Protein backbone atom coordinates (compact mmCIF):
# COMPACT_ATOMS: atom_id res chain seq x y z
CA GLY A 1 -54.75 180.68 197.60
CA ALA A 2 -52.55 179.99 200.54
CA PRO A 3 -53.32 177.04 202.81
CA GLY A 4 -55.90 178.09 205.38
CA ALA A 5 -56.93 181.16 203.36
CA SER A 6 -60.53 179.96 203.36
CA THR A 7 -62.61 177.67 205.51
CA LEU A 8 -65.84 175.77 205.05
CA PRO A 9 -68.62 175.93 207.59
CA PRO A 10 -68.51 172.78 209.75
CA ASP A 11 -71.87 171.49 208.45
CA THR A 12 -70.86 171.65 204.74
CA ASP A 13 -71.36 168.37 202.88
CA ILE A 14 -68.68 168.63 200.19
CA ARG A 15 -69.77 165.40 198.47
CA SER A 16 -73.36 166.63 198.02
CA LEU A 17 -72.18 170.06 196.93
CA THR A 18 -69.87 168.74 194.23
CA GLN A 19 -72.46 166.24 193.00
CA SER A 20 -75.01 169.04 192.67
CA LEU A 21 -72.57 170.99 190.47
CA ALA A 22 -71.56 168.06 188.28
CA ALA A 23 -73.11 167.61 184.84
CA THR A 24 -75.76 164.95 185.08
CA GLY A 25 -78.61 163.61 183.07
CA GLY A 26 -82.04 164.77 183.95
CA GLU A 27 -85.71 164.26 183.55
CA ARG A 28 -85.85 165.91 180.12
CA ALA A 29 -84.56 164.58 176.83
CA ALA A 30 -83.31 166.33 173.71
CA SER A 31 -83.38 164.82 170.23
CA LEU A 32 -80.24 165.71 168.31
CA LEU A 33 -78.84 165.03 164.87
CA VAL A 34 -75.10 164.45 165.13
CA ARG A 35 -72.52 163.87 162.40
CA PRO A 36 -70.93 160.40 162.56
CA GLY A 37 -67.75 160.52 164.63
CA ALA A 38 -68.69 163.84 166.29
CA GLY A 39 -70.28 164.67 169.63
CA GLN A 40 -68.40 162.16 171.76
CA GLY A 41 -69.50 163.80 175.01
CA LEU A 42 -73.12 163.50 173.89
CA ARG A 43 -72.64 159.90 172.76
CA ARG A 44 -71.40 158.90 176.21
CA ARG A 45 -74.76 159.96 177.64
CA CYS A 46 -76.86 158.31 174.93
CA PRO A 47 -77.75 154.60 175.17
CA ALA A 48 -77.62 154.13 171.38
CA ALA A 49 -77.52 156.20 168.22
CA GLU A 50 -80.30 155.71 165.68
CA ALA A 51 -80.16 156.25 161.95
CA GLY A 52 -80.99 159.81 160.96
CA PRO A 53 -81.14 161.54 157.61
CA GLU A 54 -78.20 160.78 155.33
CA GLY A 55 -74.95 161.91 156.94
CA TRP A 56 -76.48 162.14 160.42
CA GLU A 57 -77.22 159.98 163.45
CA ARG A 58 -80.03 160.70 165.90
CA LEU A 59 -79.18 160.81 169.61
CA THR A 60 -81.56 161.22 172.52
CA VAL A 61 -79.73 162.87 175.41
CA ALA A 62 -81.05 163.42 178.92
CA TYR A 63 -80.43 166.82 180.49
CA ALA A 64 -81.38 168.73 183.61
CA HIS A 65 -80.73 172.38 182.72
CA THR A 66 -81.53 173.87 179.31
CA ASP A 67 -78.84 176.56 179.54
CA ASN A 68 -76.14 174.01 180.33
CA LEU A 69 -77.16 171.84 177.39
CA VAL A 70 -77.25 174.88 175.07
CA ASP A 71 -73.70 175.79 176.18
CA GLU A 72 -72.53 172.26 175.46
CA LEU A 73 -74.24 172.02 172.08
CA LEU A 74 -72.74 175.31 170.87
CA GLY A 75 -69.32 173.79 171.36
CA TYR A 76 -70.02 171.16 168.71
CA GLY A 77 -70.77 173.78 166.04
CA ALA A 78 -72.26 172.53 162.80
CA ASP A 79 -71.82 168.88 163.80
CA VAL A 80 -74.98 168.97 165.93
CA VAL A 81 -78.53 170.04 165.03
CA VAL A 82 -81.27 170.25 167.67
CA GLU A 83 -84.53 168.59 166.65
CA GLY A 84 -86.21 169.30 169.96
CA PRO A 85 -87.44 170.30 172.39
CA VAL A 86 -88.24 173.79 171.21
CA GLU A 87 -86.70 175.54 174.23
CA VAL A 88 -83.32 173.93 173.53
CA ARG A 89 -83.45 174.75 169.81
CA ASP A 90 -84.58 178.31 170.56
CA GLY A 91 -81.80 178.68 173.13
CA VAL A 92 -79.16 177.66 170.58
CA VAL A 93 -80.61 179.98 167.92
CA ALA A 94 -80.80 182.93 170.34
CA ARG A 95 -77.18 182.47 171.42
CA LEU A 96 -75.99 182.22 167.82
CA GLU A 97 -77.96 185.35 166.88
CA ARG A 98 -76.34 187.24 169.77
CA LEU A 99 -72.90 186.09 168.62
CA VAL A 100 -73.59 187.22 165.07
CA GLY A 101 -74.92 190.55 166.32
CA ALA A 102 -71.84 191.06 168.47
CA GLU A 103 -69.55 190.37 165.52
CA ALA A 104 -71.57 192.68 163.24
CA SER A 105 -71.27 195.57 165.70
CA ARG A 106 -67.47 195.37 165.82
């Protein structure tokens, strides 16, 4: 918009507001299987990858909001598999089922 088109209330703490909206780790952790060389955004938040089944590495990633993590994981497609927790795995499955259903109804 044009300069001056909007104003912030005088008591707005912009730094706190932007930090609250930024992607951060959290108190929960998800166990993920990730293809070698994939999932760079996840790898940046993981202290170290562990050996997984053949062709996979296991990452443990901290997260704060299940929906945000589900959104992120969907972007990696078949290069990431959720081992747990159940609510993250179920969230990914539910979103994929909705996508398939939407395509089928076209």
